[in-house]
Amino acid sequence: KRYRLNPTLPDEEYVSRLAALNPSLDSDALRDLLARLRQREVSES
């Protein structure tokens, strides 16, 4: 939102653009979190 970045971009492109705009961002951690949020089967925990 702060950078007016389109949230519908594919995750890899989104993270790359966000990292370019915000160098303090841990892009690897964000990529990992977004990938885990895309899982099909997860337990409640």
ModelCIF file with pLDDT and N, C-alpha, C, O atoms, coordinates in Angstrom:
data_MODEL
#
_entry.id   MODEL 
#
_entity.id                         1 
_entity.type                       polymer 
_entity.pdbx_number_of_molecules   1 
#
_entity_poly.entity_id                      1 
_entity_poly.type                           'polypeptide(L)' 
_entity_poly.nstd_linkage                   no 
_entity_poly.nstd_monomer                   no 
_entity_poly.pdbx_seq_one_letter_code       KRYRLNPTLPDEEYVSRLAALNPSLDSDALRDLLARLRQREVSES 
_entity_poly.pdbx_seq_one_letter_code_can   KRYRLNPTLPDEEYVSRLAALNPSLDSDALRDLLARLRQREVSES 
_entity_poly.pdbx_strand_id                 A 
#
loop_
_entity_poly_seq.entity_id 
_entity_poly_seq.num 
_entity_poly_seq.mon_id 
_entity_poly_seq.hetero 
1 1  LYS n 
1 2  ARG n 
1 3  TYR n 
1 4  ARG n 
1 5  LEU n 
1 6  ASN n 
1 7  PRO n 
1 8  THR n 
1 9  LEU n 
1 10 PRO n 
1 11 ASP n 
1 12 GLU n 
1 13 GLU n 
1 14 TYR n 
1 15 VAL n 
1 16 SER n 
1 17 ARG n 
1 18 LEU n 
1 19 ALA n 
1 20 ALA n 
1 21 LEU n 
1 22 ASN n 
1 23 PRO n 
1 24 SER n 
1 25 LEU n 
1 26 ASP n 
1 27 SER n 
1 28 ASP n 
1 29 ALA n 
1 30 LEU n 
1 31 ARG n 
1 32 ASP n 
1 33 LEU n 
1 34 LEU n 
1 35 ALA n 
1 36 ARG n 
1 37 LEU n 
1 38 ARG n 
1 39 GLN n 
1 40 ARG n 
1 41 GLU n 
1 42 VAL n 
1 43 SER n 
1 44 GLU n 
1 45 SER n 
#
_struct_asym.id          A 
_struct_asym.entity_id   1 
#
loop_
_ma_qa_metric.id 
_ma_qa_metric.mode 
_ma_qa_metric.name 
_ma_qa_metric.software_group_id 
_ma_qa_metric.type 
1 global pLDDT . pLDDT 
2 local  pLDDT . pLDDT 
#
_ma_qa_metric_global.metric_id      1 
_ma_qa_metric_global.metric_value   93.56 
_ma_qa_metric_global.model_id       1 
_ma_qa_metric_global.ordinal_id     1 
#
loop_
_ma_qa_metric_local.label_asym_id 
_ma_qa_metric_local.label_comp_id 
_ma_qa_metric_local.label_seq_id 
_ma_qa_metric_local.metric_id 
_ma_qa_metric_local.metric_value 
_ma_qa_metric_local.model_id 
_ma_qa_metric_local.ordinal_id 
A LYS 1  2 94.00 1 1  
A ARG 2  2 90.00 1 2  
A TYR 3  2 93.00 1 3  
A ARG 4  2 94.00 1 4  
A LEU 5  2 95.00 1 5  
A ASN 6  2 96.00 1 6  
A PRO 7  2 95.00 1 7  
A THR 8  2 95.00 1 8  
A LEU 9  2 96.00 1 9  
A PRO 10 2 96.00 1 10 
A ASP 11 2 96.00 1 11 
A GLU 12 2 96.00 1 12 
A GLU 13 2 97.00 1 13 
A TYR 14 2 97.00 1 14 
A VAL 15 2 97.00 1 15 
A SER 16 2 96.00 1 16 
A ARG 17 2 96.00 1 17 
A LEU 18 2 96.00 1 18 
A ALA 19 2 95.00 1 19 
A ALA 20 2 96.00 1 20 
A LEU 21 2 94.00 1 21 
A ASN 22 2 92.00 1 22 
A PRO 23 2 91.00 1 23 
A SER 24 2 91.00 1 24 
A LEU 25 2 90.00 1 25 
A ASP 26 2 93.00 1 26 
A SER 27 2 94.00 1 27 
A ASP 28 2 96.00 1 28 
A ALA 29 2 95.00 1 29 
A LEU 30 2 96.00 1 30 
A ARG 31 2 96.00 1 31 
A ASP 32 2 96.00 1 32 
A LEU 33 2 96.00 1 33 
A LEU 34 2 97.00 1 34 
A ALA 35 2 96.00 1 35 
A ARG 36 2 95.00 1 36 
A LEU 37 2 95.00 1 37 
A ARG 38 2 94.00 1 38 
A GLN 39 2 90.00 1 39 
A ARG 40 2 85.00 1 40 
A GLU 41 2 86.00 1 41 
A VAL 42 2 87.00 1 42 
A SER 43 2 87.00 1 43 
A GLU 44 2 84.00 1 44 
A SER 45 2 88.00 1 45 
#
loop_
_atom_site.group_PDB 
_atom_site.id 
_atom_site.type_symbol 
_atom_site.label_atom_id 
_atom_site.label_alt_id 
_atom_site.label_comp_id 
_atom_site.label_asym_id 
_atom_site.label_entity_id 
_atom_site.label_seq_id 
_atom_site.pdbx_PDB_ins_code 
_atom_site.Cartn_x 
_atom_site.Cartn_y 
_atom_site.Cartn_z 
_atom_site.occupancy 
_atom_site.B_iso_or_equiv 
_atom_site.pdbx_formal_charge 
_atom_site.auth_seq_id 
_atom_site.auth_comp_id 
_atom_site.auth_asym_id 
_atom_site.auth_atom_id 
_atom_site.pdbx_PDB_model_num 
ATOM 1   N N  . LYS A 1 1  ? 0.823  -1.218  0.000  1.00 94.00 ? 1  LYS A N  1 
ATOM 2   C CA . LYS A 1 1  ? 0.000  0.000   0.000  1.00 94.00 ? 1  LYS A CA 1 
ATOM 3   C C  . LYS A 1 1  ? 0.856  1.267   0.000  1.00 94.00 ? 1  LYS A C  1 
ATOM 4   O O  . LYS A 1 1  ? 0.579  2.208   -0.744 1.00 94.00 ? 1  LYS A O  1 
ATOM 5   N N  . ARG A 1 2  ? 1.870  1.288   0.816  1.00 90.00 ? 2  ARG A N  1 
ATOM 6   C CA . ARG A 1 2  ? 2.730  2.470   0.932  1.00 90.00 ? 2  ARG A CA 1 
ATOM 7   C C  . ARG A 1 2  ? 3.375  2.835   -0.401 1.00 90.00 ? 2  ARG A C  1 
ATOM 8   O O  . ARG A 1 2  ? 3.575  4.011   -0.704 1.00 90.00 ? 2  ARG A O  1 
ATOM 9   N N  . TYR A 1 3  ? 3.698  1.810   -1.198 1.00 93.00 ? 3  TYR A N  1 
ATOM 10  C CA . TYR A 1 3  ? 4.393  2.027   -2.469 1.00 93.00 ? 3  TYR A CA 1 
ATOM 11  C C  . TYR A 1 3  ? 3.459  1.927   -3.672 1.00 93.00 ? 3  TYR A C  1 
ATOM 12  O O  . TYR A 1 3  ? 3.894  1.983   -4.822 1.00 93.00 ? 3  TYR A O  1 
ATOM 13  N N  . ARG A 1 4  ? 2.179  1.778   -3.384 1.00 94.00 ? 4  ARG A N  1 
ATOM 14  C CA . ARG A 1 4  ? 1.162  1.616   -4.438 1.00 94.00 ? 4  ARG A CA 1 
ATOM 15  C C  . ARG A 1 4  ? 1.513  0.450   -5.360 1.00 94.00 ? 4  ARG A C  1 
ATOM 16  O O  . ARG A 1 4  ? 1.437  0.544   -6.585 1.00 94.00 ? 4  ARG A O  1 
ATOM 17  N N  . LEU A 1 5  ? 1.893  -0.631  -4.730 1.00 95.00 ? 5  LEU A N  1 
ATOM 18  C CA . LEU A 1 5  ? 2.277  -1.840  -5.445 1.00 95.00 ? 5  LEU A CA 1 
ATOM 19  C C  . LEU A 1 5  ? 1.055  -2.733  -5.595 1.00 95.00 ? 5  LEU A C  1 
ATOM 20  O O  . LEU A 1 5  ? 0.321  -2.954  -4.632 1.00 95.00 ? 5  LEU A O  1 
ATOM 21  N N  . ASN A 1 6  ? 0.840  -3.241  -6.787 1.00 96.00 ? 6  ASN A N  1 
ATOM 22  C CA . ASN A 1 6  ? -0.329 -4.052  -7.093 1.00 96.00 ? 6  ASN A CA 1 
ATOM 23  C C  . ASN A 1 6  ? -0.238 -5.398  -6.360 1.00 96.00 ? 6  ASN A C  1 
ATOM 24  O O  . ASN A 1 6  ? 0.670  -6.179  -6.643 1.00 96.00 ? 6  ASN A O  1 
ATOM 25  N N  . PRO A 1 7  ? -1.156 -5.688  -5.426 1.00 95.00 ? 7  PRO A N  1 
ATOM 26  C CA . PRO A 1 7  ? -1.089 -6.950  -4.666 1.00 95.00 ? 7  PRO A CA 1 
ATOM 27  C C  . PRO A 1 7  ? -1.453 -8.184  -5.484 1.00 95.00 ? 7  PRO A C  1 
ATOM 28  O O  . PRO A 1 7  ? -1.272 -9.308  -5.017 1.00 95.00 ? 7  PRO A O  1 
ATOM 29  N N  . THR A 1 8  ? -1.959 -7.990  -6.687 1.00 95.00 ? 8  THR A N  1 
ATOM 30  C CA . THR A 1 8  ? -2.330 -9.144  -7.512 1.00 95.00 ? 8  THR A CA 1 
ATOM 31  C C  . THR A 1 8  ? -1.169 -9.642  -8.372 1.00 95.00 ? 8  THR A C  1 
ATOM 32  O O  . THR A 1 8  ? -1.314 -10.619 -9.108 1.00 95.00 ? 8  THR A O  1 
ATOM 33  N N  . LEU A 1 9  ? -0.021 -8.975  -8.282 1.00 96.00 ? 9  LEU A N  1 
ATOM 34  C CA . LEU A 1 9  ? 1.154  -9.443  -9.009 1.00 96.00 ? 9  LEU A CA 1 
ATOM 35  C C  . LEU A 1 9  ? 1.543  -10.838 -8.524 1.00 96.00 ? 9  LEU A C  1 
ATOM 36  O O  . LEU A 1 9  ? 1.282  -11.183 -7.371 1.00 96.00 ? 9  LEU A O  1 
ATOM 37  N N  . PRO A 1 10 ? 2.159  -11.638 -9.384 1.00 96.00 ? 10 PRO A N  1 
ATOM 38  C CA . PRO A 1 10 ? 2.684  -12.932 -8.913 1.00 96.00 ? 10 PRO A CA 1 
ATOM 39  C C  . PRO A 1 10 ? 3.667  -12.692 -7.758 1.00 96.00 ? 10 PRO A C  1 
ATOM 40  O O  . PRO A 1 10 ? 4.359  -11.675 -7.725 1.00 96.00 ? 10 PRO A O  1 
ATOM 41  N N  . ASP A 1 11 ? 3.718  -13.618 -6.833 1.00 96.00 ? 11 ASP A N  1 
ATOM 42  C CA . ASP A 1 11 ? 4.508  -13.426 -5.613 1.00 96.00 ? 11 ASP A CA 1 
ATOM 43  C C  . ASP A 1 11 ? 5.958  -13.056 -5.884 1.00 96.00 ? 11 ASP A C  1 
ATOM 44  O O  . ASP A 1 11 ? 6.490  -12.141 -5.255 1.00 96.00 ? 11 ASP A O  1 
ATOM 45  N N  . GLU A 1 12 ? 6.601  -13.752 -6.809 1.00 96.00 ? 12 GLU A N  1 
ATOM 46  C CA . GLU A 1 12 ? 8.019  -13.499 -7.075 1.00 96.00 ? 12 GLU A CA 1 
ATOM 47  C C  . GLU A 1 12 ? 8.237  -12.064 -7.568 1.00 96.00 ? 12 GLU A C  1 
ATOM 48  O O  . GLU A 1 12 ? 9.143  -11.372 -7.103 1.00 96.00 ? 12 GLU A O  1 
ATOM 49  N N  . GLU A 1 13 ? 7.410  -11.635 -8.498 1.00 97.00 ? 13 GLU A N  1 
ATOM 50  C CA . GLU A 1 13 ? 7.523  -10.266 -9.012 1.00 97.00 ? 13 GLU A CA 1 
ATOM 51  C C  . GLU A 1 13 ? 7.184  -9.246  -7.934 1.00 97.00 ? 13 GLU A C  1 
ATOM 52  O O  . GLU A 1 13 ? 7.841  -8.212  -7.813 1.00 97.00 ? 13 GLU A O  1 
ATOM 53  N N  . TYR A 1 14 ? 6.159  -9.544  -7.159 1.00 97.00 ? 14 TYR A N  1 
ATOM 54  C CA . TYR A 1 14 ? 5.738  -8.654  -6.076 1.00 97.00 ? 14 TYR A CA 1 
ATOM 55  C C  . TYR A 1 14 ? 6.874  -8.446  -5.078 1.00 97.00 ? 14 TYR A C  1 
ATOM 56  O O  . TYR A 1 14 ? 7.195  -7.312  -4.722 1.00 97.00 ? 14 TYR A O  1 
ATOM 57  N N  . VAL A 1 15 ? 7.478  -9.545  -4.632 1.00 97.00 ? 15 VAL A N  1 
ATOM 58  C CA . VAL A 1 15 ? 8.558  -9.454  -3.642 1.00 97.00 ? 15 VAL A CA 1 
ATOM 59  C C  . VAL A 1 15 ? 9.766  -8.729  -4.230 1.00 97.00 ? 15 VAL A C  1 
ATOM 60  O O  . VAL A 1 15 ? 10.395 -7.925  -3.542 1.00 97.00 ? 15 VAL A O  1 
ATOM 61  N N  . SER A 1 16 ? 10.095 -8.998  -5.476 1.00 96.00 ? 16 SER A N  1 
ATOM 62  C CA . SER A 1 16 ? 11.228 -8.318  -6.118 1.00 96.00 ? 16 SER A CA 1 
ATOM 63  C C  . SER A 1 16 ? 11.005 -6.811  -6.175 1.00 96.00 ? 16 SER A C  1 
ATOM 64  O O  . SER A 1 16 ? 11.898 -6.031  -5.844 1.00 96.00 ? 16 SER A O  1 
ATOM 65  N N  . ARG A 1 17 ? 9.830  -6.412  -6.588 1.00 96.00 ? 17 ARG A N  1 
ATOM 66  C CA . ARG A 1 17 ? 9.524  -4.968  -6.659 1.00 96.00 ? 17 ARG A CA 1 
ATOM 67  C C  . ARG A 1 17 ? 9.513  -4.335  -5.273 1.00 96.00 ? 17 ARG A C  1 
ATOM 68  O O  . ARG A 1 17 ? 10.031 -3.235  -5.080 1.00 96.00 ? 17 ARG A O  1 
ATOM 69  N N  . LEU A 1 18 ? 8.919  -5.034  -4.314 1.00 96.00 ? 18 LEU A N  1 
ATOM 70  C CA . LEU A 1 18 ? 8.860  -4.501  -2.955 1.00 96.00 ? 18 LEU A CA 1 
ATOM 71  C C  . LEU A 1 18 ? 10.254 -4.376  -2.362 1.00 96.00 ? 18 LEU A C  1 
ATOM 72  O O  . LEU A 1 18 ? 10.557 -3.389  -1.691 1.00 96.00 ? 18 LEU A O  1 
ATOM 73  N N  . ALA A 1 19 ? 11.107 -5.366  -2.604 1.00 95.00 ? 19 ALA A N  1 
ATOM 74  C CA . ALA A 1 19 ? 12.479 -5.320  -2.091 1.00 95.00 ? 19 ALA A CA 1 
ATOM 75  C C  . ALA A 1 19 ? 13.262 -4.169  -2.723 1.00 95.00 ? 19 ALA A C  1 
ATOM 76  O O  . ALA A 1 19 ? 14.111 -3.567  -2.066 1.00 95.00 ? 19 ALA A O  1 
ATOM 77  N N  . ALA A 1 20 ? 12.988 -3.862  -3.983 1.00 96.00 ? 20 ALA A N  1 
ATOM 78  C CA . ALA A 1 20 ? 13.657 -2.738  -4.640 1.00 96.00 ? 20 ALA A CA 1 
ATOM 79  C C  . ALA A 1 20 ? 13.237 -1.407  -4.019 1.00 96.00 ? 20 ALA A C  1 
ATOM 80  O O  . ALA A 1 20 ? 14.029 -0.467  -3.945 1.00 96.00 ? 20 ALA A O  1 
ATOM 81  N N  . LEU A 1 21 ? 11.987 -1.340  -3.576 1.00 94.00 ? 21 LEU A N  1 
ATOM 82  C CA . LEU A 1 21 ? 11.470 -0.110  -2.970 1.00 94.00 ? 21 LEU A CA 1 
ATOM 83  C C  . LEU A 1 21 ? 11.783 -0.007  -1.472 1.00 94.00 ? 21 LEU A C  1 
ATOM 84  O O  . LEU A 1 21 ? 11.862 1.088   -0.916 1.00 94.00 ? 21 LEU A O  1 
ATOM 85  N N  . ASN A 1 22 ? 11.959 -1.164  -0.834 1.00 92.00 ? 22 ASN A N  1 
ATOM 86  C CA . ASN A 1 22 ? 12.213 -1.199  0.607  1.00 92.00 ? 22 ASN A CA 1 
ATOM 87  C C  . ASN A 1 22 ? 13.398 -2.124  0.874  1.00 92.00 ? 22 ASN A C  1 
ATOM 88  O O  . ASN A 1 22 ? 13.209 -3.318  1.109  1.00 92.00 ? 22 ASN A O  1 
ATOM 89  N N  . PRO A 1 23 ? 14.614 -1.588  0.842  1.00 91.00 ? 23 PRO A N  1 
ATOM 90  C CA . PRO A 1 23 ? 15.812 -2.424  0.997  1.00 91.00 ? 23 PRO A CA 1 
ATOM 91  C C  . PRO A 1 23 ? 15.915 -3.132  2.348  1.00 91.00 ? 23 PRO A C  1 
ATOM 92  O O  . PRO A 1 23 ? 16.630 -4.129  2.455  1.00 91.00 ? 23 PRO A O  1 
ATOM 93  N N  . SER A 1 24 ? 15.233 -2.656  3.365  1.00 91.00 ? 24 SER A N  1 
ATOM 94  C CA . SER A 1 24 ? 15.302 -3.294  4.685  1.00 91.00 ? 24 SER A CA 1 
ATOM 95  C C  . SER A 1 24 ? 14.434 -4.554  4.768  1.00 91.00 ? 24 SER A C  1 
ATOM 96  O O  . SER A 1 24 ? 14.480 -5.268  5.770  1.00 91.00 ? 24 SER A O  1 
ATOM 97  N N  . LEU A 1 25 ? 13.661 -4.826  3.746  1.00 90.00 ? 25 LEU A N  1 
ATOM 98  C CA . LEU A 1 25 ? 12.769 -5.981  3.724  1.00 90.00 ? 25 LEU A CA 1 
ATOM 99  C C  . LEU A 1 25 ? 13.568 -7.278  3.612  1.00 90.00 ? 25 LEU A C  1 
ATOM 100 O O  . LEU A 1 25 ? 14.492 -7.378  2.805  1.00 90.00 ? 25 LEU A O  1 
ATOM 101 N N  . ASP A 1 26 ? 13.211 -8.259  4.417  1.00 93.00 ? 26 ASP A N  1 
ATOM 102 C CA . ASP A 1 26 ? 13.805 -9.600  4.304  1.00 93.00 ? 26 ASP A CA 1 
ATOM 103 C C  . ASP A 1 26 ? 13.016 -10.343 3.227  1.00 93.00 ? 26 ASP A C  1 
ATOM 104 O O  . ASP A 1 26 ? 12.020 -11.005 3.520  1.00 93.00 ? 26 ASP A O  1 
ATOM 105 N N  . SER A 1 27 ? 13.466 -10.226 1.992  1.00 94.00 ? 27 SER A N  1 
ATOM 106 C CA . SER A 1 27 ? 12.714 -10.759 0.861  1.00 94.00 ? 27 SER A CA 1 
ATOM 107 C C  . SER A 1 27 ? 12.628 -12.283 0.890  1.00 94.00 ? 27 SER A C  1 
ATOM 108 O O  . SER A 1 27 ? 11.611 -12.846 0.484  1.00 94.00 ? 27 SER A O  1 
ATOM 109 N N  . ASP A 1 28 ? 13.669 -12.958 1.358  1.00 96.00 ? 28 ASP A N  1 
ATOM 110 C CA . ASP A 1 28 ? 13.624 -14.424 1.428  1.00 96.00 ? 28 ASP A CA 1 
ATOM 111 C C  . ASP A 1 28 ? 12.561 -14.898 2.417  1.00 96.00 ? 28 ASP A C  1 
ATOM 112 O O  . ASP A 1 28 ? 11.834 -15.855 2.148  1.00 96.00 ? 28 ASP A O  1 
ATOM 113 N N  . ALA A 1 29 ? 12.478 -14.225 3.556  1.00 95.00 ? 29 ALA A N  1 
ATOM 114 C CA . ALA A 1 29 ? 11.470 -14.591 4.556  1.00 95.00 ? 29 ALA A CA 1 
ATOM 115 C C  . ALA A 1 29 ? 10.062 -14.329 4.019  1.00 95.00 ? 29 ALA A C  1 
ATOM 116 O O  . ALA A 1 29 ? 9.151  -15.122 4.255  1.00 95.00 ? 29 ALA A O  1 
ATOM 117 N N  . LEU A 1 30 ? 9.884  -13.224 3.302  1.00 96.00 ? 30 LEU A N  1 
ATOM 118 C CA . LEU A 1 30 ? 8.570  -12.917 2.737  1.00 96.00 ? 30 LEU A CA 1 
ATOM 119 C C  . LEU A 1 30 ? 8.190  -13.929 1.662  1.00 96.00 ? 30 LEU A C  1 
ATOM 120 O O  . LEU A 1 30 ? 7.046  -14.381 1.619  1.00 96.00 ? 30 LEU A O  1 
ATOM 121 N N  . ARG A 1 31 ? 9.121  -14.285 0.804  1.00 96.00 ? 31 ARG A N  1 
ATOM 122 C CA . ARG A 1 31 ? 8.851  -15.315 -0.217 1.00 96.00 ? 31 ARG A CA 1 
ATOM 123 C C  . ARG A 1 31 ? 8.434  -16.631 0.433  1.00 96.00 ? 31 ARG A C  1 
ATOM 124 O O  . ARG A 1 31 ? 7.488  -17.284 -0.007 1.00 96.00 ? 31 ARG A O  1 
ATOM 125 N N  . ASP A 1 32 ? 9.150  -17.004 1.478  1.00 96.00 ? 32 ASP A N  1 
ATOM 126 C CA . ASP A 1 32 ? 8.842  -18.243 2.185  1.00 96.00 ? 32 ASP A CA 1 
ATOM 127 C C  . ASP A 1 32 ? 7.451  -18.188 2.815  1.00 96.00 ? 32 ASP A C  1 
ATOM 128 O O  . ASP A 1 32 ? 6.685  -19.147 2.719  1.00 96.00 ? 32 ASP A O  1 
ATOM 129 N N  . LEU A 1 33 ? 7.130  -17.080 3.450  1.00 96.00 ? 33 LEU A N  1 
ATOM 130 C CA . LEU A 1 33 ? 5.816  -16.939 4.081  1.00 96.00 ? 33 LEU A CA 1 
ATOM 131 C C  . LEU A 1 33 ? 4.702  -16.991 3.037  1.00 96.00 ? 33 LEU A C  1 
ATOM 132 O O  . LEU A 1 33 ? 3.696  -17.670 3.240  1.00 96.00 ? 33 LEU A O  1 
ATOM 133 N N  . LEU A 1 34 ? 4.872  -16.287 1.932  1.00 97.00 ? 34 LEU A N  1 
ATOM 134 C CA . LEU A 1 34 ? 3.852  -16.304 0.879  1.00 97.00 ? 34 LEU A CA 1 
ATOM 135 C C  . LEU A 1 34 ? 3.683  -17.710 0.300  1.00 97.00 ? 34 LEU A C  1 
ATOM 136 O O  . LEU A 1 34 ? 2.565  -18.116 -0.016 1.00 97.00 ? 34 LEU A O  1 
ATOM 137 N N  . ALA A 1 35 ? 4.766  -18.445 0.161  1.00 96.00 ? 35 ALA A N  1 
ATOM 138 C CA . ALA A 1 35 ? 4.682  -19.817 -0.344 1.00 96.00 ? 35 ALA A CA 1 
ATOM 139 C C  . ALA A 1 35 ? 3.937  -20.714 0.644  1.00 96.00 ? 35 ALA A C  1 
ATOM 140 O O  . ALA A 1 35 ? 3.123  -21.545 0.243  1.00 96.00 ? 35 ALA A O  1 
ATOM 141 N N  . ARG A 1 36 ? 4.218  -20.543 1.930  1.00 95.00 ? 36 ARG A N  1 
ATOM 142 C CA . ARG A 1 36 ? 3.523  -21.360 2.933  1.00 95.00 ? 36 ARG A CA 1 
ATOM 143 C C  . ARG A 1 36 ? 2.046  -20.992 3.030  1.00 95.00 ? 36 ARG A C  1 
ATOM 144 O O  . ARG A 1 36 ? 1.220  -21.838 3.370  1.00 95.00 ? 36 ARG A O  1 
ATOM 145 N N  . LEU A 1 37 ? 1.707  -19.746 2.736  1.00 95.00 ? 37 LEU A N  1 
ATOM 146 C CA . LEU A 1 37 ? 0.300  -19.330 2.743  1.00 95.00 ? 37 LEU A CA 1 
ATOM 147 C C  . LEU A 1 37 ? -0.468 -19.896 1.543  1.00 95.00 ? 37 LEU A C  1 
ATOM 148 O O  . LEU A 1 37 ? -1.699 -19.908 1.545  1.00 95.00 ? 37 LEU A O  1 
ATOM 149 N N  . ARG A 1 38 ? 0.250  -20.359 0.530  1.00 94.00 ? 38 ARG A N  1 
ATOM 150 C CA . ARG A 1 38 ? -0.387 -20.953 -0.647 1.00 94.00 ? 38 ARG A CA 1 
ATOM 151 C C  . ARG A 1 38 ? -0.598 -22.458 -0.523 1.00 94.00 ? 38 ARG A C  1 
ATOM 152 O O  . ARG A 1 38 ? -1.165 -23.070 -1.428 1.00 94.00 ? 38 ARG A O  1 
ATOM 153 N N  . GLN A 1 39 ? -0.163 -23.059 0.555  1.00 90.00 ? 39 GLN A N  1 
ATOM 154 C CA . GLN A 1 39 ? -0.298 -24.506 0.724  1.00 90.00 ? 39 GLN A CA 1 
ATOM 155 C C  . GLN A 1 39 ? -1.759 -24.932 0.623  1.00 90.00 ? 39 GLN A C  1 
ATOM 156 O O  . GLN A 1 39 ? -2.666 -24.194 1.008  1.00 90.00 ? 39 GLN A O  1 
ATOM 157 N N  . ARG A 1 40 ? -1.962 -26.116 0.105  1.00 85.00 ? 40 ARG A N  1 
ATOM 158 C CA . ARG A 1 40 ? -3.327 -26.642 -0.023 1.00 85.00 ? 40 ARG A CA 1 
ATOM 159 C C  . ARG A 1 40 ? -3.807 -27.296 1.266  1.00 85.00 ? 40 ARG A C  1 
ATOM 160 O O  . ARG A 1 40 ? -4.954 -27.108 1.670  1.00 85.00 ? 40 ARG A O  1 
ATOM 161 N N  . GLU A 1 41 ? -2.950 -28.051 1.901  1.00 86.00 ? 41 GLU A N  1 
ATOM 162 C CA . GLU A 1 41 ? -3.330 -28.761 3.121  1.00 86.00 ? 41 GLU A CA 1 
ATOM 163 C C  . GLU A 1 41 ? -2.465 -28.283 4.280  1.00 86.00 ? 41 GLU A C  1 
ATOM 164 O O  . GLU A 1 41 ? -1.241 -28.415 4.248  1.00 86.00 ? 41 GLU A O  1 
ATOM 165 N N  . VAL A 1 42 ? -3.099 -27.733 5.289  1.00 87.00 ? 42 VAL A N  1 
ATOM 166 C CA . VAL A 1 42 ? -2.386 -27.310 6.492  1.00 87.00 ? 42 VAL A CA 1 
ATOM 167 C C  . VAL A 1 42 ? -3.183 -27.755 7.713  1.00 87.00 ? 42 VAL A C  1 
ATOM 168 O O  . VAL A 1 42 ? -4.410 -27.857 7.674  1.00 87.00 ? 42 VAL A O  1 
ATOM 169 N N  . SER A 1 43 ? -2.471 -28.010 8.773  1.00 87.00 ? 43 SER A N  1 
ATOM 170 C CA . SER A 1 43 ? -3.144 -28.354 10.027 1.00 87.00 ? 43 SER A CA 1 
ATOM 171 C C  . SER A 1 43 ? -3.617 -27.066 10.699 1.00 87.00 ? 43 SER A C  1 
ATOM 172 O O  . SER A 1 43 ? -3.236 -25.961 10.312 1.00 87.00 ? 43 SER A O  1 
ATOM 173 N N  . GLU A 1 44 ? -4.438 -27.240 11.694 1.00 84.00 ? 44 GLU A N  1 
ATOM 174 C CA . GLU A 1 44 ? -4.932 -26.064 12.405 1.00 84.00 ? 44 GLU A CA 1 
ATOM 175 C C  . GLU A 1 44 ? -3.796 -25.336 13.113 1.00 84.00 ? 44 GLU A C  1 
ATOM 176 O O  . GLU A 1 44 ? -3.769 -24.106 13.143 1.00 84.00 ? 44 GLU A O  1 
ATOM 177 N N  . SER A 1 45 ? -2.858 -26.089 13.684 1.00 88.00 ? 45 SER A N  1 
ATOM 178 C CA . SER A 1 45 ? -1.731 -25.447 14.370 1.00 88.00 ? 45 SER A CA 1 
ATOM 179 C C  . SER A 1 45 ? -0.836 -24.701 13.382 1.00 88.00 ? 45 SER A C  1 
ATOM 180 O O  . SER A 1 45 ? 0.161  -24.102 13.784 1.00 88.00 ? 45 SER A O  1 
#
